[in-house]
Amino acid sequence: MNVVVVNESDLLKAAEKGMDQFILVFVDAIYKAIGNELTAENMAKLNADQITLLAYVILRDEVMDGGFVQLIHNGYGAFIFKNPFSKMMRKWGIDPLASMINKAHKSFTHFHEEIEKECSDDEFMALFEKFPVFDDYDDDFVENEEQWTNMVACYIDEHIEDFAVIKK
């Protein structure tokens, strides 16, 4: 198990700037502890909460940028849908996100192979028209992202020891 270390001063500065910066301090520390790249091998060096935090940030960044189609096309669908991410969201108290992920899982299962294929930029853009089934999930995520991110930040704050060692 890798030790993830966060400097208390960095954490306090980030907390003053808001929930996104607070979360980013932990995400950056986790990536630093695993050599700045998440792989199957170094994932074993992290605990479930640390992996779930990375998964949430990947989900948030991909969906806010290009929706679930982009998330799946960029190869993150299995990371979100084939792991216990939704169960962890329930554990963290973010039940609406867990429910949405479980519903979207059915569409992922049906369409991921086609969405994951290599394609040109034009073909990629056409995927959004071809798979409107993800539109409602995209909208739901965008509408709730701020609240869900706040809930993630609160969970981290209440369980800091599960994410990092705080160095004074």
N, C-alpha and C. Protein backbone atom coordinates (compact mmCIF):
# COMPACT_ATOMS: atom_id res chain seq x y z
N MET A 1 0.84 -1.19 0.00
CA MET A 1 0.00 0.00 0.00
C MET A 1 0.89 1.25 0.00
N ASN A 2 0.72 2.10 -0.99
CA ASN A 2 1.47 3.36 -1.04
C ASN A 2 0.93 4.34 0.00
N VAL A 3 1.81 5.09 0.58
CA VAL A 3 1.39 6.12 1.52
C VAL A 3 1.17 7.41 0.75
N VAL A 4 -0.03 7.93 0.86
CA VAL A 4 -0.38 9.20 0.24
C VAL A 4 -0.25 10.26 1.31
N VAL A 5 0.56 11.29 1.00
CA VAL A 5 0.83 12.33 1.98
C VAL A 5 0.34 13.67 1.44
N VAL A 6 -0.37 14.39 2.31
CA VAL A 6 -0.85 15.74 1.97
C VAL A 6 -0.32 16.68 3.04
N ASN A 7 0.28 17.78 2.60
CA ASN A 7 0.74 18.80 3.55
C ASN A 7 -0.45 19.57 4.10
N GLU A 8 -0.47 19.71 5.42
CA GLU A 8 -1.57 20.41 6.06
C GLU A 8 -1.72 21.84 5.51
N SER A 9 -0.61 22.51 5.27
CA SER A 9 -0.68 23.89 4.77
C SER A 9 -1.32 23.94 3.37
N ASP A 10 -0.99 22.96 2.52
CA ASP A 10 -1.60 22.88 1.18
C ASP A 10 -3.10 22.64 1.30
N LEU A 11 -3.46 21.80 2.23
CA LEU A 11 -4.87 21.46 2.43
C LEU A 11 -5.66 22.68 2.91
N LEU A 12 -5.10 23.43 3.84
CA LEU A 12 -5.78 24.62 4.35
C LEU A 12 -5.94 25.68 3.26
N LYS A 13 -4.90 25.88 2.46
CA LYS A 13 -4.99 26.85 1.35
C LYS A 13 -6.05 26.42 0.35
N ALA A 14 -6.06 25.15 0.03
CA ALA A 14 -7.02 24.63 -0.94
C ALA A 14 -8.45 24.74 -0.42
N ALA A 15 -8.63 24.44 0.86
CA ALA A 15 -9.98 24.50 1.45
C ALA A 15 -10.53 25.93 1.38
N GLU A 16 -9.67 26.92 1.51
CA GLU A 16 -10.10 28.32 1.40
C GLU A 16 -10.59 28.65 0.00
N LYS A 17 -10.03 27.97 -0.99
CA LYS A 17 -10.36 28.24 -2.39
C LYS A 17 -11.62 27.52 -2.85
N GLY A 18 -12.06 26.52 -2.09
CA GLY A 18 -13.29 25.82 -2.45
C GLY A 18 -13.13 24.32 -2.56
N MET A 19 -14.27 23.67 -2.78
CA MET A 19 -14.32 22.21 -2.77
C MET A 19 -13.50 21.58 -3.89
N ASP A 20 -13.49 22.20 -5.07
CA ASP A 20 -12.72 21.62 -6.17
C ASP A 20 -11.23 21.58 -5.84
N GLN A 21 -10.72 22.66 -5.28
CA GLN A 21 -9.30 22.71 -4.91
C GLN A 21 -8.99 21.75 -3.76
N PHE A 22 -9.92 21.65 -2.81
CA PHE A 22 -9.76 20.72 -1.69
C PHE A 22 -9.61 19.29 -2.22
N ILE A 23 -10.49 18.90 -3.12
CA ILE A 23 -10.44 17.56 -3.71
C ILE A 23 -9.15 17.37 -4.49
N LEU A 24 -8.77 18.40 -5.25
CA LEU A 24 -7.58 18.30 -6.10
C LEU A 24 -6.31 18.04 -5.29
N VAL A 25 -6.21 18.56 -4.09
CA VAL A 25 -5.04 18.30 -3.24
C VAL A 25 -4.89 16.79 -3.01
N PHE A 26 -6.00 16.11 -2.75
CA PHE A 26 -5.95 14.67 -2.52
C PHE A 26 -5.68 13.91 -3.83
N VAL A 27 -6.34 14.33 -4.89
CA VAL A 27 -6.14 13.67 -6.19
C VAL A 27 -4.68 13.78 -6.62
N ASP A 28 -4.12 14.97 -6.52
CA ASP A 28 -2.71 15.17 -6.89
C ASP A 28 -1.78 14.30 -6.03
N ALA A 29 -2.07 14.23 -4.73
CA ALA A 29 -1.23 13.43 -3.83
C ALA A 29 -1.34 11.93 -4.16
N ILE A 30 -2.54 11.50 -4.49
CA ILE A 30 -2.72 10.09 -4.86
C ILE A 30 -1.95 9.77 -6.14
N TYR A 31 -2.10 10.63 -7.15
CA TYR A 31 -1.36 10.40 -8.39
C TYR A 31 0.15 10.42 -8.15
N LYS A 32 0.62 11.35 -7.34
CA LYS A 32 2.05 11.43 -7.03
C LYS A 32 2.54 10.13 -6.40
N ALA A 33 1.72 9.55 -5.51
CA ALA A 33 2.11 8.32 -4.82
C ALA A 33 2.21 7.12 -5.77
N ILE A 34 1.54 7.19 -6.91
CA ILE A 34 1.57 6.06 -7.85
C ILE A 34 2.30 6.40 -9.14
N GLY A 35 3.13 7.44 -9.11
CA GLY A 35 3.92 7.78 -10.28
C GLY A 35 3.16 8.52 -11.35
N ASN A 36 2.10 9.21 -10.97
CA ASN A 36 1.31 10.07 -11.86
C ASN A 36 0.57 9.36 -12.98
N GLU A 37 0.40 8.06 -12.85
CA GLU A 37 -0.37 7.33 -13.85
C GLU A 37 -1.12 6.19 -13.17
N LEU A 38 -2.41 6.10 -13.47
CA LEU A 38 -3.22 5.03 -12.89
C LEU A 38 -3.18 3.82 -13.82
N THR A 39 -2.66 2.73 -13.31
CA THR A 39 -2.60 1.47 -14.06
C THR A 39 -3.20 0.37 -13.21
N ALA A 40 -3.46 -0.76 -13.83
CA ALA A 40 -3.99 -1.90 -13.07
C ALA A 40 -3.01 -2.32 -11.98
N GLU A 41 -1.71 -2.24 -12.28
CA GLU A 41 -0.70 -2.65 -11.30
C GLU A 41 -0.66 -1.71 -10.10
N ASN A 42 -0.61 -0.39 -10.37
CA ASN A 42 -0.48 0.51 -9.22
C ASN A 42 -1.81 0.78 -8.52
N MET A 43 -2.91 0.42 -9.16
CA MET A 43 -4.21 0.53 -8.50
C MET A 43 -4.24 -0.35 -7.25
N ALA A 44 -3.53 -1.46 -7.31
CA ALA A 44 -3.47 -2.37 -6.16
C ALA A 44 -2.78 -1.72 -4.96
N LYS A 45 -2.07 -0.64 -5.20
CA LYS A 45 -1.36 0.05 -4.12
C LYS A 45 -2.25 1.08 -3.43
N LEU A 46 -3.48 1.24 -3.93
CA LEU A 46 -4.41 2.22 -3.37
C LEU A 46 -5.56 1.51 -2.67
N ASN A 47 -6.21 2.21 -1.76
CA ASN A 47 -7.39 1.64 -1.12
C ASN A 47 -8.64 2.00 -1.93
N ALA A 48 -9.76 1.42 -1.55
CA ALA A 48 -11.00 1.61 -2.31
C ALA A 48 -11.44 3.08 -2.35
N ASP A 49 -11.26 3.80 -1.26
CA ASP A 49 -11.66 5.21 -1.26
C ASP A 49 -10.79 6.04 -2.19
N GLN A 50 -9.50 5.77 -2.21
CA GLN A 50 -8.60 6.51 -3.09
C GLN A 50 -8.93 6.24 -4.56
N ILE A 51 -9.17 4.98 -4.89
CA ILE A 51 -9.53 4.63 -6.28
C ILE A 51 -10.86 5.27 -6.65
N THR A 52 -11.80 5.25 -5.74
CA THR A 52 -13.11 5.84 -6.00
C THR A 52 -13.00 7.34 -6.22
N LEU A 53 -12.15 8.00 -5.47
CA LEU A 53 -11.95 9.44 -5.67
C LEU A 53 -11.40 9.71 -7.07
N LEU A 54 -10.40 8.95 -7.47
CA LEU A 54 -9.86 9.14 -8.83
C LEU A 54 -10.94 8.87 -9.86
N ALA A 55 -11.74 7.83 -9.64
CA ALA A 55 -12.82 7.51 -10.58
C ALA A 55 -13.83 8.65 -10.66
N TYR A 56 -14.19 9.22 -9.52
CA TYR A 56 -15.15 10.33 -9.53
C TYR A 56 -14.60 11.52 -10.32
N VAL A 57 -13.35 11.85 -10.10
CA VAL A 57 -12.77 13.01 -10.80
C VAL A 57 -12.67 12.74 -12.30
N ILE A 58 -12.30 11.53 -12.68
CA ILE A 58 -12.28 11.18 -14.11
C ILE A 58 -13.68 11.28 -14.68
N LEU A 59 -14.65 10.69 -13.99
CA LEU A 59 -16.05 10.76 -14.43
C LEU A 59 -16.48 12.22 -14.58
N ARG A 60 -16.25 13.01 -13.56
CA ARG A 60 -16.67 14.41 -13.60
C ARG A 60 -16.01 15.17 -14.75
N ASP A 61 -14.70 15.02 -14.88
CA ASP A 61 -14.00 15.77 -15.92
C ASP A 61 -14.43 15.35 -17.32
N GLU A 62 -14.56 14.06 -17.54
CA GLU A 62 -14.96 13.57 -18.87
C GLU A 62 -16.40 13.96 -19.20
N VAL A 63 -17.32 13.76 -18.27
CA VAL A 63 -18.73 14.05 -18.54
C VAL A 63 -18.96 15.55 -18.67
N MET A 64 -18.30 16.35 -17.86
CA MET A 64 -18.47 17.80 -17.97
C MET A 64 -17.88 18.33 -19.27
N ASP A 65 -16.89 17.64 -19.81
CA ASP A 65 -16.26 18.07 -21.05
C ASP A 65 -16.99 17.55 -22.29
N GLY A 66 -17.42 16.29 -22.25
CA GLY A 66 -17.99 15.71 -23.45
C GLY A 66 -19.03 14.62 -23.21
N GLY A 67 -19.54 14.53 -22.01
CA GLY A 67 -20.60 13.58 -21.73
C GLY A 67 -20.13 12.15 -21.59
N PHE A 68 -21.10 11.28 -21.40
CA PHE A 68 -20.79 9.86 -21.22
C PHE A 68 -20.23 9.23 -22.48
N VAL A 69 -20.61 9.74 -23.64
CA VAL A 69 -20.04 9.21 -24.88
C VAL A 69 -18.52 9.43 -24.87
N GLN A 70 -18.09 10.62 -24.49
CA GLN A 70 -16.65 10.90 -24.42
C GLN A 70 -15.98 10.02 -23.38
N LEU A 71 -16.59 9.90 -22.20
CA LEU A 71 -16.05 9.06 -21.14
C LEU A 71 -15.80 7.64 -21.66
N ILE A 72 -16.79 7.09 -22.32
CA ILE A 72 -16.69 5.72 -22.83
C ILE A 72 -15.69 5.64 -23.98
N HIS A 73 -15.76 6.60 -24.90
CA HIS A 73 -14.84 6.59 -26.04
C HIS A 73 -13.38 6.68 -25.58
N ASN A 74 -13.13 7.46 -24.54
CA ASN A 74 -11.76 7.63 -24.05
C ASN A 74 -11.29 6.47 -23.17
N GLY A 75 -12.10 5.42 -23.06
CA GLY A 75 -11.67 4.20 -22.40
C GLY A 75 -11.93 4.12 -20.91
N TYR A 76 -12.73 5.03 -20.38
CA TYR A 76 -13.00 5.03 -18.95
C TYR A 76 -14.31 4.36 -18.57
N GLY A 77 -15.08 3.91 -19.54
CA GLY A 77 -16.37 3.30 -19.24
C GLY A 77 -16.26 2.10 -18.31
N ALA A 78 -15.35 1.20 -18.61
CA ALA A 78 -15.19 0.01 -17.78
C ALA A 78 -14.76 0.37 -16.36
N PHE A 79 -13.93 1.38 -16.23
CA PHE A 79 -13.46 1.83 -14.92
C PHE A 79 -14.64 2.28 -14.05
N ILE A 80 -15.61 2.93 -14.67
CA ILE A 80 -16.77 3.42 -13.93
C ILE A 80 -17.84 2.34 -13.80
N PHE A 81 -18.15 1.65 -14.89
CA PHE A 81 -19.30 0.74 -14.91
C PHE A 81 -19.00 -0.69 -14.51
N LYS A 82 -17.76 -1.15 -14.63
CA LYS A 82 -17.45 -2.55 -14.33
C LYS A 82 -16.73 -2.72 -12.99
N ASN A 83 -16.65 -1.65 -12.24
CA ASN A 83 -16.07 -1.68 -10.90
C ASN A 83 -17.15 -1.27 -9.91
N PRO A 84 -16.89 -1.41 -8.64
CA PRO A 84 -17.94 -1.09 -7.65
C PRO A 84 -18.10 0.41 -7.39
N PHE A 85 -17.94 1.23 -8.42
CA PHE A 85 -18.04 2.68 -8.25
C PHE A 85 -19.40 3.09 -7.69
N SER A 86 -20.47 2.57 -8.26
CA SER A 86 -21.80 2.99 -7.79
C SER A 86 -22.02 2.54 -6.33
N LYS A 87 -21.50 1.39 -5.96
CA LYS A 87 -21.62 0.94 -4.57
C LYS A 87 -20.88 1.89 -3.63
N MET A 88 -19.73 2.35 -4.07
CA MET A 88 -18.96 3.30 -3.26
C MET A 88 -19.67 4.65 -3.17
N MET A 89 -20.33 5.05 -4.23
CA MET A 89 -21.09 6.31 -4.17
C MET A 89 -22.21 6.19 -3.14
N ARG A 90 -22.83 5.03 -3.06
CA ARG A 90 -23.86 4.82 -2.02
C ARG A 90 -23.22 4.88 -0.63
N LYS A 91 -22.07 4.24 -0.48
CA LYS A 91 -21.36 4.27 0.81
C LYS A 91 -21.03 5.70 1.20
N TRP A 92 -20.68 6.52 0.22
CA TRP A 92 -20.33 7.91 0.47
C TRP A 92 -21.57 8.79 0.65
N GLY A 93 -22.76 8.21 0.48
CA GLY A 93 -23.99 8.96 0.67
C GLY A 93 -24.47 9.71 -0.55
N ILE A 94 -23.96 9.35 -1.72
CA ILE A 94 -24.34 10.04 -2.95
C ILE A 94 -25.23 9.11 -3.77
N ASP A 95 -26.36 8.76 -3.19
CA ASP A 95 -27.29 7.79 -3.78
C ASP A 95 -27.80 8.18 -5.16
N PRO A 96 -28.15 9.46 -5.41
CA PRO A 96 -28.65 9.80 -6.75
C PRO A 96 -27.61 9.52 -7.86
N LEU A 97 -26.34 9.77 -7.58
CA LEU A 97 -25.30 9.48 -8.57
C LEU A 97 -25.18 7.97 -8.75
N ALA A 98 -25.24 7.22 -7.67
CA ALA A 98 -25.17 5.76 -7.76
C ALA A 98 -26.31 5.23 -8.62
N SER A 99 -27.50 5.75 -8.40
CA SER A 99 -28.66 5.31 -9.20
C SER A 99 -28.48 5.63 -10.67
N MET A 100 -28.00 6.84 -10.96
CA MET A 100 -27.80 7.22 -12.35
C MET A 100 -26.75 6.32 -13.03
N ILE A 101 -25.66 6.04 -12.32
CA ILE A 101 -24.62 5.16 -12.87
C ILE A 101 -25.20 3.78 -13.15
N ASN A 102 -26.01 3.26 -12.26
CA ASN A 102 -26.63 1.94 -12.46
C ASN A 102 -27.55 1.95 -13.68
N LYS A 103 -28.30 3.02 -13.87
CA LYS A 103 -29.18 3.11 -15.06
C LYS A 103 -28.35 3.23 -16.33
N ALA A 104 -27.32 4.07 -16.31
CA ALA A 104 -26.48 4.28 -17.49
C ALA A 104 -25.68 3.02 -17.83
N HIS A 105 -25.46 2.16 -16.84
CA HIS A 105 -24.70 0.92 -17.05
C HIS A 105 -25.33 0.07 -18.15
N LYS A 106 -26.66 0.03 -18.19
CA LYS A 106 -27.34 -0.76 -19.22
C LYS A 106 -26.99 -0.25 -20.62
N SER A 107 -27.00 1.05 -20.80
CA SER A 107 -26.65 1.63 -22.10
C SER A 107 -25.18 1.40 -22.42
N PHE A 108 -24.33 1.52 -21.40
CA PHE A 108 -22.90 1.24 -21.60
C PHE A 108 -22.72 -0.18 -22.11
N THR A 109 -23.38 -1.12 -21.47
CA THR A 109 -23.25 -2.53 -21.85
C THR A 109 -23.67 -2.75 -23.31
N HIS A 110 -24.73 -2.10 -23.73
CA HIS A 110 -25.23 -2.29 -25.09
C HIS A 110 -24.37 -1.61 -26.16
N PHE A 111 -23.78 -0.47 -25.84
CA PHE A 111 -23.17 0.36 -26.88
C PHE A 111 -21.67 0.59 -26.76
N HIS A 112 -21.05 0.14 -25.69
CA HIS A 112 -19.65 0.52 -25.46
C HIS A 112 -18.71 0.08 -26.57
N GLU A 113 -18.91 -1.10 -27.12
CA GLU A 113 -17.97 -1.58 -28.15
C GLU A 113 -17.93 -0.64 -29.34
N GLU A 114 -19.09 -0.18 -29.77
CA GLU A 114 -19.13 0.73 -30.92
C GLU A 114 -18.57 2.11 -30.55
N ILE A 115 -18.86 2.58 -29.36
CA ILE A 115 -18.39 3.90 -28.93
C ILE A 115 -16.87 3.90 -28.72
N GLU A 116 -16.32 2.78 -28.28
CA GLU A 116 -14.89 2.69 -27.97
C GLU A 116 -14.01 2.56 -29.21
N LYS A 117 -14.59 2.28 -30.37
CA LYS A 117 -13.79 2.08 -31.59
C LYS A 117 -13.01 3.34 -31.94
N GLU A 118 -11.82 3.11 -32.52
CA GLU A 118 -11.04 4.23 -33.06
C GLU A 118 -11.85 4.91 -34.16
N CYS A 119 -11.78 6.22 -34.20
CA CYS A 119 -12.52 6.93 -35.23
C CYS A 119 -11.95 8.32 -35.44
N SER A 120 -12.35 8.93 -36.53
CA SER A 120 -11.92 10.30 -36.84
C SER A 120 -12.69 11.27 -35.94
N ASP A 121 -12.29 12.52 -35.96
CA ASP A 121 -12.99 13.54 -35.17
C ASP A 121 -14.45 13.66 -35.61
N ASP A 122 -14.67 13.62 -36.92
CA ASP A 122 -16.04 13.72 -37.43
C ASP A 122 -16.88 12.52 -36.99
N GLU A 123 -16.29 11.33 -37.05
CA GLU A 123 -17.00 10.13 -36.62
C GLU A 123 -17.29 10.19 -35.11
N PHE A 124 -16.33 10.73 -34.36
CA PHE A 124 -16.54 10.88 -32.92
C PHE A 124 -17.71 11.83 -32.66
N MET A 125 -17.75 12.94 -33.32
CA MET A 125 -18.84 13.91 -33.13
C MET A 125 -20.19 13.28 -33.50
N ALA A 126 -20.17 12.40 -34.49
CA ALA A 126 -21.41 11.73 -34.92
C ALA A 126 -21.93 10.76 -33.85
N LEU A 127 -21.04 10.30 -32.97
CA LEU A 127 -21.46 9.38 -31.91
C LEU A 127 -22.50 10.02 -30.99
N PHE A 128 -22.41 11.32 -30.79
CA PHE A 128 -23.37 12.00 -29.91
C PHE A 128 -24.78 11.94 -30.50
N GLU A 129 -24.86 12.05 -31.83
CA GLU A 129 -26.16 11.95 -32.51
C GLU A 129 -26.65 10.50 -32.53
N LYS A 130 -25.69 9.60 -32.65
CA LYS A 130 -26.03 8.19 -32.79
C LYS A 130 -26.49 7.56 -31.46
N PHE A 131 -26.04 8.14 -30.35
CA PHE A 131 -26.36 7.55 -29.04
C PHE A 131 -27.00 8.59 -28.12
N PRO A 132 -28.19 9.06 -28.49
CA PRO A 132 -28.87 10.06 -27.65
C PRO A 132 -29.33 9.49 -26.30
N VAL A 133 -29.23 8.17 -26.15
CA VAL A 133 -29.62 7.53 -24.91
C VAL A 133 -28.82 8.09 -23.72
N PHE A 134 -27.65 8.64 -24.01
CA PHE A 134 -26.80 9.18 -22.94
C PHE A 134 -27.12 10.64 -22.61
N ASP A 135 -27.94 11.30 -23.42
CA ASP A 135 -28.22 12.73 -23.22
C ASP A 135 -28.82 13.03 -21.85
N ASP A 136 -29.78 12.24 -21.43
CA ASP A 136 -30.41 12.50 -20.13
C ASP A 136 -29.42 12.29 -18.98
N TYR A 137 -28.53 11.33 -19.13
CA TYR A 137 -27.51 11.11 -18.10
C TYR A 137 -26.54 12.28 -18.06
N ASP A 138 -26.17 12.77 -19.23
CA ASP A 138 -25.29 13.94 -19.30
C ASP A 138 -25.95 15.13 -18.60
N ASP A 139 -27.21 15.38 -18.95
CA ASP A 139 -27.93 16.51 -18.35
C ASP A 139 -28.05 16.37 -16.84
N ASP A 140 -28.37 15.16 -16.39
CA ASP A 140 -28.50 14.90 -14.97
C ASP A 140 -27.19 15.17 -14.25
N PHE A 141 -26.10 14.71 -14.85
CA PHE A 141 -24.80 14.90 -14.22
C PHE A 141 -24.46 16.39 -14.14
N VAL A 142 -24.62 17.10 -15.26
CA VAL A 142 -24.29 18.52 -15.29
C VAL A 142 -25.12 19.30 -14.27
N GLU A 143 -26.39 18.98 -14.18
CA GLU A 143 -27.28 19.67 -13.24
C GLU A 143 -26.90 19.42 -11.79
N ASN A 144 -26.33 18.26 -11.50
CA ASN A 144 -26.04 17.89 -10.11
C ASN A 144 -24.57 17.89 -9.74
N GLU A 145 -23.71 18.19 -10.70
CA GLU A 145 -22.26 18.08 -10.47
C GLU A 145 -21.78 18.86 -9.26
N GLU A 146 -22.21 20.09 -9.12
CA GLU A 146 -21.73 20.91 -8.01
C GLU A 146 -22.12 20.30 -6.66
N GLN A 147 -23.35 19.85 -6.56
CA GLN A 147 -23.82 19.23 -5.32
C GLN A 147 -23.06 17.94 -5.05
N TRP A 148 -22.88 17.10 -6.08
CA TRP A 148 -22.18 15.84 -5.90
C TRP A 148 -20.72 16.05 -5.55
N THR A 149 -20.09 17.02 -6.19
CA THR A 149 -18.69 17.32 -5.87
C THR A 149 -18.58 17.81 -4.43
N ASN A 150 -19.53 18.60 -4.00
CA ASN A 150 -19.54 19.06 -2.61
C ASN A 150 -19.69 17.87 -1.66
N MET A 151 -20.53 16.92 -2.02
CA MET A 151 -20.72 15.72 -1.19
C MET A 151 -19.44 14.88 -1.14
N VAL A 152 -18.73 14.80 -2.26
CA VAL A 152 -17.44 14.09 -2.28
C VAL A 152 -16.46 14.80 -1.34
N ALA A 153 -16.39 16.11 -1.43
CA ALA A 153 -15.49 16.88 -0.57
C ALA A 153 -15.83 16.67 0.91
N CYS A 154 -17.11 16.68 1.23
CA CYS A 154 -17.54 16.45 2.62
C CYS A 154 -17.16 15.06 3.09
N TYR A 155 -17.34 14.06 2.22
CA TYR A 155 -16.97 12.70 2.59
C TYR A 155 -15.47 12.61 2.88
N ILE A 156 -14.66 13.21 2.00
CA ILE A 156 -13.21 13.21 2.22
C ILE A 156 -12.90 13.87 3.56
N ASP A 157 -13.49 15.03 3.79
CA ASP A 157 -13.22 15.78 5.02
C ASP A 157 -13.56 14.96 6.26
N GLU A 158 -14.63 14.18 6.19
CA GLU A 158 -15.06 13.38 7.34
C GLU A 158 -14.28 12.06 7.47
N HIS A 159 -13.53 11.70 6.42
CA HIS A 159 -12.78 10.44 6.41
C HIS A 159 -11.36 10.65 5.88
N ILE A 160 -10.74 11.74 6.26
CA ILE A 160 -9.42 12.11 5.70
C ILE A 160 -8.42 10.97 5.80
N GLU A 161 -8.43 10.26 6.92
CA GLU A 161 -7.45 9.20 7.14
C GLU A 161 -7.57 8.07 6.11
N ASP A 162 -8.70 7.97 5.44
CA ASP A 162 -8.87 6.95 4.39
C ASP A 162 -8.28 7.40 3.05
N PHE A 163 -7.90 8.66 2.96
CA PHE A 163 -7.39 9.20 1.70
C PHE A 163 -5.91 9.56 1.76
N ALA A 164 -5.45 10.03 2.91
CA ALA A 164 -4.06 10.46 3.00
C ALA A 164 -3.63 10.63 4.45
N VAL A 165 -2.33 10.68 4.62
CA VAL A 165 -1.72 11.06 5.89
C VAL A 165 -1.48 12.56 5.79
N ILE A 166 -1.92 13.29 6.79
CA ILE A 166 -1.74 14.74 6.78
C ILE A 166 -0.42 15.06 7.50
N LYS A 167 0.46 15.71 6.76
CA LYS A 167 1.78 16.07 7.30
C LYS A 167 1.74 17.50 7.80
N LYS A 168 2.08 17.69 9.05
CA LYS A 168 2.07 19.03 9.67
C LYS A 168 3.21 19.88 9.16
